[in-house]
Amino acid sequence: MDTIQLSVCLFLLISFIISTWKMYKRRWRLPPGPLPLPLLGNLLQGATKLYETHNKFSKQYGPVFTVWLGTSPVVALCGYDVVKDALIKCSQQFSFRGSIPISETLSKGYGIITTNGKRWHQMRKFTALTLRNSGMGKRSMEQRIQEEAVFLVQAISDKHGDAFDPHTLLGRSVNNVINLTVFGKRWQYEDEQFLKFLETTNNLFNFIRAPIGVAYSAFQKVMQYLPGSHQKIFQDCEHMKSLIQDQINSHRETLDEDSPRDYIDCFLIRANKEQWLQESEFCIENLISLVFELFMAGTETTANTLQFGLLVMIKFPHVQERVQKEIDSVIGTERLPKLADRIQMPYTNAVLHEILRFLDLVPLALPHVVMEDIFYRGFNIPRGTTIFPVLGSVLSDPACWETPDKFNPGHFLDHNGQFCMNDAFIPFSAGKRICPGEEVARIETFLFLTSLLQKFTFRAINHPDNIDLKTLRRAFRKHGLQYHLKAYPRTHATDIIHGNII
């Protein structure tokens, strides 16, 4: 071995020793957790799958513990008391967003998901208020969803009882709600640009789930320069953002400040009013990122929830029948379901909440970070530490749910059969970082599913006993949920597709 090779090996060895020494030195300042391996941390012990391993770790180390993703520590918070205490009572310390490498690459510091400070505050407040229909066009959010539900019903009717995979149709319907919200129009289900939007969304989520996505998050500084499938995905996302820019330009040319049509119009009107304010964050870069994030965050999650909801219906025909009886009693067959019906449908409301609880679609809140040294639950957590609130540990906390590992609508019903909320129901997170699209997602879930169950009875292709909900709910975090079902028309009464939805 020559001198140069020896020097390189010696340098690498010293670097390894120093890195390992620093990691173990930091470990003693953090809450307890499994012993990390040099460089790998706890990756081989399930640190990247806290939605599966949090029970094991919390039983051994308590509800506040540390795992290492490579050489980076992450403090996990588990259980109702710990998570709600951090996100609500101590929100000032825990509300900052941690690093999300893939989102940071896409947003470049704009939008809501990866930002902090005044930019995050202004953009989140605007988005939350606008999605609540504060002057956004002539149609309310409810009417936009009702309109799309009509097209979804027709698309399923066109299957004529043949088996089909509901994911495709549900994804297109949910995506069109976003189109109606941000662009003021819907696209035909076979529109090429529409399908490209959906393909880009699906490919991005598949990338995030795949090992290469985990590698990118761990080694962003290196991966961003390496060839691979991720480069094509990022290129497609940039193309999608260029199409959003075209829509914004078109809106500018036809903008009527006295009559906003959609989310983009509302943003442009606000930007015009604040163009001379130095503190304003209403710039085009933020608008492009916000619209992109609405598509990314709002399509896959809601479509998956609806897909799992139909799976529940074919798994438990008695649940489907009871929901349909309530629909027939409150809504009937000749008009569209509306949001006001929800309060008169306690069992249906309980079923929809239990679908969200049991599905546990987003078991980990997006990473938070503490921006100051804090003392929490008996432990010192240093400034800059990444925090993972494990939402799934709250949704399955045995102290809060009678049968946490079983699908049970009774979790949301009192002894009189009336709907009752459970404080541990936080599928959209809690506190300052709660999902701004929560109410829209819940309206979509109610209106889409009641519209479908009003018109159809759904049946499994094989025996429903073969459906394992507990296993299949995890499929979303791997390769997605794939199954087929059949839809049979329930009535020959006046079809709701002829109803007045405006």
Protein backbone atom coordinates (compact mmCIF):
# COMPACT_ATOMS: atom_id res chain seq x y z
CA MET A 1 0.00 0.00 0.00
CA ASP A 2 1.56 3.29 -1.09
CA THR A 3 1.68 6.48 0.99
CA ILE A 4 -1.36 8.08 -0.68
CA GLN A 5 -3.58 5.03 -0.12
CA LEU A 6 -2.41 4.79 3.48
CA SER A 7 -3.16 8.48 4.04
CA VAL A 8 -6.66 8.11 2.57
CA CYS A 9 -7.43 5.05 4.71
CA LEU A 10 -6.10 6.81 7.80
CA PHE A 11 -8.20 9.90 7.02
CA LEU A 12 -11.35 7.79 6.60
CA LEU A 13 -10.65 5.89 9.80
CA ILE A 14 -10.13 9.07 11.81
CA SER A 15 -13.27 10.61 10.28
CA PHE A 16 -15.24 7.49 11.21
CA ILE A 17 -13.95 7.55 14.80
CA ILE A 18 -14.70 11.26 15.21
CA SER A 19 -18.20 10.91 13.71
CA THR A 20 -18.97 7.93 15.96
CA TRP A 21 -17.62 9.71 19.04
CA LYS A 22 -19.76 12.80 18.32
CA MET A 23 -22.86 10.65 17.81
CA TYR A 24 -22.45 8.81 21.10
CA LYS A 25 -21.63 12.03 22.91
CA ARG A 26 -24.87 13.60 21.63
CA ARG A 27 -26.80 10.48 22.62
CA TRP A 28 -26.33 11.09 26.33
CA ARG A 29 -28.02 14.52 26.04
CA LEU A 30 -31.19 13.03 24.55
CA PRO A 31 -34.07 10.88 25.81
CA PRO A 32 -33.24 7.15 26.00
CA GLY A 33 -33.57 4.81 23.05
CA PRO A 34 -32.04 1.79 21.33
CA LEU A 35 -28.27 1.75 20.91
CA PRO A 36 -27.41 3.16 17.46
CA LEU A 37 -24.85 1.60 15.16
CA PRO A 38 -22.08 3.83 13.75
CA LEU A 39 -23.23 5.59 10.58
CA LEU A 40 -26.41 3.45 10.31
CA GLY A 41 -27.97 4.49 13.59
CA ASN A 42 -31.15 2.44 14.20
CA LEU A 43 -32.06 1.95 10.53
CA LEU A 44 -31.80 -1.83 10.90
CA GLN A 45 -34.02 -1.79 13.99
CA GLY A 46 -37.05 -0.15 12.39
CA ALA A 47 -36.31 3.54 12.89
CA THR A 48 -37.82 4.33 9.47
CA LYS A 49 -41.01 2.40 10.33
CA LEU A 50 -42.05 3.98 13.60
CA TYR A 51 -45.70 3.35 12.65
CA GLU A 52 -44.88 -0.36 13.21
CA THR A 53 -42.15 -0.23 15.87
CA HIS A 54 -43.32 2.58 18.18
CA ASN A 55 -45.09 0.13 20.51
CA LYS A 56 -41.92 -1.91 21.00
CA PHE A 57 -39.74 1.13 21.63
CA SER A 58 -42.23 2.96 23.89
CA LYS A 59 -42.75 -0.12 26.06
CA GLN A 60 -39.00 -0.38 26.61
CA TYR A 61 -38.01 3.30 26.82
CA GLY A 62 -41.23 5.16 27.59
CA PRO A 63 -43.46 7.46 25.46
CA VAL A 64 -40.57 9.86 24.73
CA PHE A 65 -37.59 8.11 23.14
CA THR A 66 -34.80 8.70 20.64
CA VAL A 67 -33.98 6.79 17.47
CA TRP A 68 -31.20 7.57 15.02
CA LEU A 69 -31.68 7.88 11.26
CA GLY A 70 -28.07 7.38 10.25
CA THR A 71 -26.15 9.93 12.29
CA SER A 72 -29.19 12.16 12.92
CA PRO A 73 -31.24 11.76 16.11
CA VAL A 74 -35.05 11.90 16.11
CA VAL A 75 -37.14 12.17 19.27
CA ALA A 76 -40.44 10.29 18.96
CA LEU A 77 -43.52 11.27 20.97
CA CYS A 78 -46.09 8.54 21.60
CA GLY A 79 -49.54 8.31 23.17
CA TYR A 80 -52.40 10.74 23.59
CA ASP A 81 -51.12 12.61 26.63
CA VAL A 82 -47.59 13.18 25.31
CA VAL A 83 -48.53 14.11 21.72
CA LYS A 84 -51.41 16.43 22.59
CA ASP A 85 -49.35 18.07 25.34
CA ALA A 86 -46.53 18.79 22.89
CA LEU A 87 -48.61 19.94 19.92
CA ILE A 88 -51.16 22.01 21.83
CA LYS A 89 -49.97 22.99 25.31
CA CYS A 90 -46.35 23.40 24.22
CA SER A 91 -47.08 24.44 20.64
CA GLN A 92 -44.76 27.43 20.85
CA GLN A 93 -41.77 25.13 21.26
CA PHE A 94 -42.91 22.27 18.99
CA SER A 95 -44.57 24.05 16.03
CA PHE A 96 -41.50 24.63 13.85
CA ARG A 97 -41.19 22.46 10.74
CA GLY A 98 -38.27 20.06 10.55
CA SER A 99 -36.33 19.16 7.42
CA ILE A 100 -38.18 17.34 4.61
CA PRO A 101 -35.53 16.95 1.87
CA ILE A 102 -37.85 15.88 -0.98
CA SER A 103 -40.34 18.69 -0.29
CA GLU A 104 -37.51 21.19 0.09
CA THR A 105 -36.16 20.23 -3.33
CA LEU A 106 -39.59 20.76 -4.88
CA SER A 107 -40.71 23.91 -3.04
CA LYS A 108 -37.37 25.75 -2.94
CA GLY A 109 -38.39 27.45 0.29
CA TYR A 110 -41.91 28.56 -0.75
CA GLY A 111 -45.40 27.39 0.16
CA ILE A 112 -46.55 25.92 3.48
CA ILE A 113 -45.16 22.44 4.01
CA THR A 114 -41.46 23.22 4.55
CA THR A 115 -41.61 26.86 5.67
CA ASN A 116 -41.55 28.60 9.04
CA GLY A 117 -41.93 32.16 10.31
CA LYS A 118 -43.96 34.88 8.61
CA ARG A 119 -44.05 33.12 5.23
CA TRP A 120 -45.63 30.03 6.74
CA HIS A 121 -47.99 32.08 8.90
CA GLN A 122 -49.27 34.26 6.03
CA MET A 123 -49.62 31.43 3.51
CA ARG A 124 -51.26 29.02 5.92
CA LYS A 125 -53.76 31.57 7.21
CA PHE A 126 -54.70 32.60 3.66
CA THR A 127 -55.10 29.00 2.50
CA ALA A 128 -57.18 27.92 5.50
CA LEU A 129 -59.54 30.90 5.17
CA THR A 130 -59.86 30.58 1.39
CA LEU A 131 -60.65 26.87 1.56
CA ARG A 132 -63.49 27.77 3.90
CA ASN A 133 -65.15 29.59 0.99
CA SER A 134 -64.42 33.16 2.01
CA GLY A 135 -65.71 34.70 -1.20
CA MET A 136 -64.17 32.10 -3.50
CA GLY A 137 -66.49 32.07 -6.49
CA LYS A 138 -70.21 31.52 -6.81
CA ARG A 139 -70.13 27.86 -5.76
CA SER A 140 -69.35 26.74 -2.24
CA MET A 141 -66.89 23.94 -1.54
CA GLU A 142 -69.87 21.72 -0.81
CA GLN A 143 -71.37 22.40 -4.22
CA ARG A 144 -68.05 21.73 -5.97
CA ILE A 145 -67.81 18.33 -4.29
CA GLN A 146 -71.46 17.55 -5.03
CA GLU A 147 -70.86 18.39 -8.68
CA GLU A 148 -67.95 15.97 -8.89
CA ALA A 149 -69.86 13.28 -6.98
CA VAL A 150 -72.41 13.28 -9.79
CA PHE A 151 -69.70 12.51 -12.36
CA LEU A 152 -68.26 9.79 -10.10
CA VAL A 153 -71.68 8.14 -9.77
CA GLN A 154 -72.10 8.19 -13.53
CA ALA A 155 -68.62 6.74 -14.11
CA ILE A 156 -69.40 3.82 -11.79
CA SER A 157 -72.82 3.35 -13.42
CA ASP A 158 -70.99 2.95 -16.71
CA LYS A 159 -69.27 -0.16 -15.30
CA HIS A 160 -72.66 -1.96 -15.52
CA GLY A 161 -71.87 -4.21 -12.59
CA ASP A 162 -68.47 -5.33 -13.88
CA ALA A 163 -65.57 -5.61 -11.45
CA PHE A 164 -63.28 -2.58 -11.27
CA ASP A 165 -60.46 -1.07 -9.24
CA PRO A 166 -61.94 1.98 -7.47
CA HIS A 167 -58.60 3.73 -6.98
CA THR A 168 -58.45 5.20 -10.48
CA LEU A 169 -61.94 6.73 -10.47
CA LEU A 170 -61.66 7.98 -6.89
CA GLY A 171 -58.30 9.60 -7.63
CA ARG A 172 -59.72 11.41 -10.64
CA SER A 173 -62.75 12.63 -8.69
CA VAL A 174 -60.73 13.94 -5.75
CA ASN A 175 -58.23 15.57 -8.10
CA ASN A 176 -61.07 17.32 -9.91
CA VAL A 177 -62.25 18.84 -6.64
CA ILE A 178 -58.82 20.47 -6.41
CA ASN A 179 -59.10 21.55 -10.04
CA LEU A 180 -62.44 23.19 -9.31
CA THR A 181 -60.99 24.84 -6.21
CA VAL A 182 -57.75 26.25 -7.64
CA PHE A 183 -58.49 26.56 -11.38
CA GLY A 184 -62.27 27.05 -11.27
CA LYS A 185 -62.92 24.20 -13.70
CA ARG A 186 -62.94 20.43 -13.88
CA TRP A 187 -61.32 18.19 -16.47
CA GLN A 188 -62.79 15.20 -18.25
CA TYR A 189 -61.52 11.94 -16.78
CA GLU A 190 -59.65 11.08 -19.99
CA ASP A 191 -58.06 14.52 -20.52
CA GLU A 192 -54.34 14.03 -21.24
CA GLN A 193 -53.16 16.92 -19.05
CA PHE A 194 -55.42 15.75 -16.24
CA LEU A 195 -54.00 12.23 -16.44
CA LYS A 196 -50.46 13.63 -16.48
CA PHE A 197 -51.18 15.50 -13.24
CA LEU A 198 -52.42 12.27 -11.65
CA GLU A 199 -49.47 10.26 -12.95
CA THR A 200 -47.00 12.80 -11.57
CA THR A 201 -48.75 12.75 -8.19
CA ASN A 202 -48.76 8.95 -8.02
CA ASN A 203 -45.13 8.67 -9.13
CA LEU A 204 -44.02 11.19 -6.51
CA PHE A 205 -45.75 9.29 -3.70
CA ASN A 206 -44.37 5.97 -4.94
CA PHE A 207 -40.90 7.56 -4.93
CA ILE A 208 -41.35 8.82 -1.36
CA ARG A 209 -42.38 5.32 -0.22
CA ALA A 210 -39.62 3.48 -2.10
CA PRO A 211 -36.08 2.77 -0.75
CA ILE A 212 -34.65 5.32 -3.18
CA GLY A 213 -36.86 7.98 -1.60
CA VAL A 214 -35.60 7.05 1.86
CA ALA A 215 -32.03 7.21 0.51
CA TYR A 216 -32.68 10.65 -1.00
CA SER A 217 -34.00 11.94 2.32
CA ALA A 218 -30.95 10.60 4.15
CA PHE A 219 -28.33 11.67 1.61
CA GLN A 220 -29.91 14.62 -0.24
CA LYS A 221 -26.62 16.49 -0.77
CA VAL A 222 -25.22 13.54 -2.70
CA MET A 223 -28.36 12.12 -4.31
CA GLN A 224 -29.39 15.37 -5.94
CA TYR A 225 -26.38 15.10 -8.24
CA LEU A 226 -26.66 11.38 -9.01
CA PRO A 227 -28.59 9.96 -11.98
CA GLY A 228 -31.66 7.84 -11.30
CA SER A 229 -35.45 7.65 -11.45
CA HIS A 230 -35.74 10.48 -8.94
CA GLN A 231 -34.37 12.95 -11.49
CA LYS A 232 -37.21 12.08 -13.91
CA ILE A 233 -39.77 12.50 -11.13
CA PHE A 234 -38.41 15.92 -10.22
CA GLN A 235 -38.47 16.92 -13.90
CA ASP A 236 -42.13 15.88 -14.15
CA CYS A 237 -42.93 17.92 -11.04
CA GLU A 238 -41.26 20.97 -12.58
CA HIS A 239 -43.32 20.44 -15.73
CA MET A 240 -46.45 20.29 -13.57
CA LYS A 241 -45.47 23.57 -11.95
CA SER A 242 -44.99 25.15 -15.38
CA LEU A 243 -48.58 24.15 -16.24
CA ILE A 244 -49.70 25.77 -12.99
CA GLN A 245 -47.82 28.91 -14.04
CA ASP A 246 -49.76 28.89 -17.34
CA GLN A 247 -53.03 28.74 -15.43
CA ILE A 248 -51.93 31.65 -13.25
CA ASN A 249 -51.06 33.72 -16.32
CA SER A 250 -54.47 32.97 -17.82
CA HIS A 251 -56.17 34.00 -14.59
CA ARG A 252 -54.27 37.29 -14.57
CA GLU A 253 -55.57 38.15 -18.03
CA THR A 254 -59.20 37.50 -17.09
CA LEU A 255 -59.16 38.57 -13.44
CA ASP A 256 -62.20 40.40 -12.08
CA GLU A 257 -61.35 41.59 -8.59
CA ASP A 258 -65.03 42.01 -7.73
CA SER A 259 -65.84 38.41 -8.61
CA PRO A 260 -63.10 35.88 -7.71
CA ARG A 261 -63.66 32.50 -9.26
CA ASP A 262 -61.25 30.29 -7.35
CA TYR A 263 -58.17 30.03 -5.14
CA ILE A 264 -55.82 31.56 -7.74
CA ASP A 265 -58.07 34.59 -8.20
CA CYS A 266 -58.23 35.14 -4.44
CA PHE A 267 -54.43 35.00 -4.20
CA LEU A 268 -53.90 37.40 -7.12
CA ILE A 269 -56.38 39.89 -5.65
CA ARG A 270 -54.58 39.76 -2.31
CA ALA A 271 -51.20 40.12 -4.05
CA ASN A 272 -52.41 43.24 -5.89
CA LYS A 273 -53.58 44.79 -2.63
CA GLU A 274 -50.28 44.09 -0.87
CA GLN A 275 -47.84 44.68 -3.71
CA TRP A 276 -46.36 47.72 -1.95
CA LEU A 277 -46.06 46.05 1.47
CA GLN A 278 -42.51 44.99 2.24
CA GLU A 279 -43.68 42.27 4.65
CA SER A 280 -46.09 40.65 2.19
CA GLU A 281 -45.42 37.09 1.10
CA PHE A 282 -48.00 37.15 -1.71
CA CYS A 283 -45.67 36.47 -4.62
CA ILE A 284 -46.02 34.17 -7.63
CA GLU A 285 -43.40 31.73 -6.33
CA ASN A 286 -45.52 31.13 -3.23
CA LEU A 287 -48.69 30.75 -5.31
CA ILE A 288 -47.12 28.11 -7.57
CA SER A 289 -45.86 26.14 -4.56
CA LEU A 290 -49.19 26.42 -2.75
CA VAL A 291 -51.17 25.08 -5.72
CA PHE A 292 -48.62 22.30 -6.24
CA GLU A 293 -48.84 21.35 -2.56
CA LEU A 294 -52.64 21.31 -2.67
CA PHE A 295 -52.48 18.74 -5.47
CA MET A 296 -49.79 16.69 -3.75
CA ALA A 297 -51.33 16.71 -0.28
CA GLY A 298 -54.99 16.63 -1.25
CA THR A 299 -55.26 14.00 -3.98
CA GLU A 300 -53.57 10.84 -2.74
CA THR A 301 -54.63 11.08 0.90
CA THR A 302 -58.36 11.65 0.32
CA ALA A 303 -58.54 9.15 -2.55
CA ASN A 304 -56.90 6.52 -0.33
CA THR A 305 -59.36 7.25 2.48
CA LEU A 306 -62.32 6.78 0.14
CA GLN A 307 -60.77 3.63 -1.30
CA PHE A 308 -60.34 2.18 2.19
CA GLY A 309 -63.90 3.27 3.06
CA LEU A 310 -65.31 1.15 0.22
CA LEU A 311 -63.10 -1.72 1.37
CA VAL A 312 -64.73 -1.47 4.81
CA MET A 313 -68.17 -1.60 3.18
CA ILE A 314 -67.46 -4.83 1.30
CA LYS A 315 -65.74 -6.34 4.36
CA PHE A 316 -68.71 -5.56 6.62
CA PRO A 317 -71.97 -5.75 4.60
CA HIS A 318 -73.98 -5.15 7.80
CA VAL A 319 -72.21 -1.79 8.26
CA GLN A 320 -72.95 -0.86 4.65
CA GLU A 321 -76.61 -1.84 5.06
CA ARG A 322 -77.03 0.21 8.23
CA VAL A 323 -75.42 3.27 6.60
CA GLN A 324 -77.72 2.87 3.60
CA LYS A 325 -80.78 2.69 5.84
CA GLU A 326 -79.74 5.96 7.47
CA ILE A 327 -79.17 7.51 4.03
CA ASP A 328 -82.63 6.38 2.89
CA SER A 329 -84.24 7.76 6.03
CA VAL A 330 -82.53 11.16 6.08
CA ILE A 331 -81.70 11.87 2.42
CA GLY A 332 -83.90 9.57 0.37
CA THR A 333 -83.15 8.66 -3.22
CA GLU A 334 -84.09 11.73 -5.24
CA ARG A 335 -81.70 14.44 -4.06
CA LEU A 336 -77.99 14.79 -3.53
CA PRO A 337 -76.54 14.34 -0.05
CA LYS A 338 -75.62 17.64 1.55
CA LEU A 339 -73.39 18.55 4.46
CA ALA A 340 -76.33 19.52 6.69
CA ASP A 341 -77.45 15.88 6.61
CA ARG A 342 -74.40 14.81 8.58
CA ILE A 343 -75.76 15.95 11.94
CA GLN A 344 -78.87 13.77 11.45
CA MET A 345 -76.81 10.68 10.57
CA PRO A 346 -74.95 9.68 13.75
CA TYR A 347 -74.10 6.14 12.66
CA THR A 348 -72.79 7.20 9.25
CA ASN A 349 -70.77 9.97 10.88
CA ALA A 350 -69.34 7.47 13.37
CA VAL A 351 -68.41 5.06 10.57
CA LEU A 352 -66.57 7.77 8.63
CA HIS A 353 -64.63 8.85 11.70
CA GLU A 354 -63.73 5.24 12.49
CA ILE A 355 -62.50 4.76 8.92
CA LEU A 356 -60.11 7.68 9.41
CA ARG A 357 -59.01 6.41 12.84
CA PHE A 358 -58.52 2.79 11.89
CA LEU A 359 -56.90 3.56 8.52
CA ASP A 360 -54.21 5.61 10.27
CA LEU A 361 -53.18 6.90 6.84
CA VAL A 362 -50.52 9.33 8.11
CA PRO A 363 -49.17 7.61 11.24
CA LEU A 364 -46.32 10.08 11.63
CA ALA A 365 -46.85 13.81 11.59
CA LEU A 366 -44.42 15.61 9.32
CA PRO A 367 -41.18 16.30 11.23
CA HIS A 368 -41.11 19.15 13.72
CA VAL A 369 -38.00 20.72 15.21
CA VAL A 370 -37.40 22.51 18.52
CA MET A 371 -35.77 25.90 18.08
CA GLU A 372 -34.60 26.24 21.66
CA ASP A 373 -33.34 23.96 24.42
CA ILE A 374 -36.37 22.62 26.29
CA PHE A 375 -37.07 20.36 29.25
CA TYR A 376 -39.97 18.09 28.34
CA ARG A 377 -41.41 15.14 30.25
CA GLY A 378 -38.29 14.83 32.36
CA PHE A 379 -35.81 15.05 29.48
CA ASN A 380 -33.59 17.74 28.05
CA ILE A 381 -34.13 18.15 24.31
CA PRO A 382 -31.42 20.31 22.70
CA ARG A 383 -32.14 23.08 20.22
CA GLY A 384 -32.36 21.83 16.62
CA THR A 385 -33.55 18.31 17.52
CA THR A 386 -36.03 16.75 15.08
CA ILE A 387 -39.32 15.64 16.62
CA PHE A 388 -41.70 13.00 15.25
CA PRO A 389 -45.18 13.01 16.84
CA VAL A 390 -46.46 9.47 16.23
CA LEU A 391 -50.12 10.16 15.42
CA GLY A 392 -50.80 6.45 14.99
CA SER A 393 -49.91 5.88 18.65
CA VAL A 394 -52.73 8.28 19.60
CA LEU A 395 -55.25 6.72 17.22
CA SER A 396 -54.51 3.31 18.75
CA ASP A 397 -53.92 4.36 22.36
CA PRO A 398 -55.65 1.70 24.54
CA ALA A 399 -56.29 4.35 27.16
CA CYS A 400 -58.54 6.21 24.70
CA TRP A 401 -60.15 3.50 22.56
CA GLU A 402 -62.12 0.46 23.73
CA THR A 403 -60.91 -1.81 20.90
CA PRO A 404 -58.01 0.08 19.29
CA ASP A 405 -56.97 -2.77 16.97
CA LYS A 406 -60.46 -3.44 15.61
CA PHE A 407 -62.77 -1.49 13.32
CA ASN A 408 -65.51 -0.32 15.68
CA PRO A 409 -67.90 2.59 14.89
CA GLY A 410 -68.97 2.40 18.54
CA HIS A 411 -65.85 4.41 19.37
CA PHE A 412 -67.83 7.47 18.22
CA LEU A 413 -71.30 6.61 19.57
CA ASP A 414 -72.67 7.21 23.06
CA HIS A 415 -75.01 4.87 24.91
CA ASN A 416 -77.98 6.48 23.13
CA GLY A 417 -76.52 5.84 19.69
CA GLN A 418 -75.71 9.50 19.14
CA PHE A 419 -72.43 10.68 17.65
CA CYS A 420 -69.78 11.77 20.14
CA MET A 421 -66.27 13.02 19.36
CA ASN A 422 -63.18 11.56 20.99
CA ASP A 423 -60.37 13.99 21.82
CA ALA A 424 -57.82 11.39 20.70
CA PHE A 425 -59.10 11.62 17.12
CA ILE A 426 -56.22 13.48 15.44
CA PRO A 427 -55.65 11.90 11.99
CA PHE A 428 -54.90 15.40 10.62
CA SER A 429 -52.45 16.19 13.45
CA ALA A 430 -53.16 18.92 16.01
CA GLY A 431 -52.07 22.36 17.11
CA LYS A 432 -50.57 25.03 14.86
CA ARG A 433 -49.44 22.52 12.22
CA ILE A 434 -52.78 20.79 11.81
CA CYS A 435 -53.59 20.12 8.15
CA PRO A 436 -55.25 23.26 6.67
CA GLY A 437 -57.28 21.04 4.33
CA GLU A 438 -58.81 18.96 7.14
CA GLU A 439 -62.35 20.26 6.76
CA VAL A 440 -62.30 19.91 2.97
CA ALA A 441 -61.10 16.30 3.27
CA ARG A 442 -63.83 15.47 5.76
CA ILE A 443 -66.51 17.08 3.58
CA GLU A 444 -65.25 15.11 0.58
CA THR A 445 -65.29 11.85 2.54
CA PHE A 446 -68.87 12.40 3.69
CA LEU A 447 -70.35 13.61 0.39
CA PHE A 448 -68.56 11.14 -1.87
CA LEU A 449 -69.26 8.04 0.23
CA THR A 450 -72.90 8.91 0.97
CA SER A 451 -73.48 9.68 -2.72
CA LEU A 452 -72.02 6.31 -3.69
CA LEU A 453 -73.87 4.32 -1.03
CA GLN A 454 -77.11 6.12 -1.91
CA LYS A 455 -76.87 4.76 -5.44
CA PHE A 456 -74.96 1.48 -5.15
CA THR A 457 -74.44 -1.59 -3.03
CA PHE A 458 -70.79 -2.64 -3.17
CA ARG A 459 -69.76 -6.27 -3.04
CA ALA A 460 -66.43 -8.08 -2.82
CA ILE A 461 -65.22 -10.24 -5.70
CA ASN A 462 -64.24 -13.01 -3.29
CA HIS A 463 -65.51 -13.85 0.16
CA PRO A 464 -65.21 -10.81 2.47
CA ASP A 465 -63.64 -12.98 5.18
CA ASN A 466 -60.51 -12.97 3.01
CA ILE A 467 -60.14 -9.21 3.52
CA ASP A 468 -57.71 -8.39 6.34
CA LEU A 469 -58.23 -4.67 7.05
CA LYS A 470 -55.43 -4.48 9.59
CA THR A 471 -52.90 -5.69 7.03
CA LEU A 472 -54.32 -3.82 4.04
CA ARG A 473 -54.28 -0.43 5.77
CA ARG A 474 -50.48 -0.69 5.78
CA ALA A 475 -50.41 -1.27 2.01
CA PHE A 476 -50.56 2.47 1.38
CA ARG A 477 -47.11 2.87 2.89
CA LYS A 478 -45.59 0.29 0.57
CA HIS A 479 -47.03 -0.22 -2.91
CA GLY A 480 -50.55 1.14 -2.51
CA LEU A 481 -53.85 -0.64 -1.98
CA GLN A 482 -55.10 -2.65 -4.95
CA TYR A 483 -58.38 -4.55 -5.07
CA HIS A 484 -61.49 -4.93 -7.23
CA LEU A 485 -65.16 -4.78 -6.31
CA LYS A 486 -68.57 -4.69 -7.96
CA ALA A 487 -71.22 -1.95 -7.69
CA TYR A 488 -74.89 -2.88 -8.05
CA PRO A 489 -77.56 -0.17 -8.50
CA ARG A 490 -79.83 0.10 -5.47
CA THR A 491 -82.92 1.76 -6.95
CA HIS A 492 -84.69 2.67 -10.16
CA ALA A 493 -85.98 5.88 -8.66
CA THR A 494 -85.12 9.23 -10.25
CA ASP A 495 -81.36 9.20 -10.78
CA ILE A 496 -79.48 11.82 -8.79
CA ILE A 497 -77.44 12.69 -11.85
CA HIS A 498 -80.49 14.63 -12.99
CA GLY A 499 -80.67 16.53 -9.72
CA ASN A 500 -80.09 20.25 -9.40
CA ILE A 501 -76.61 20.62 -7.93
CA ILE A 502 -76.07 24.36 -8.35
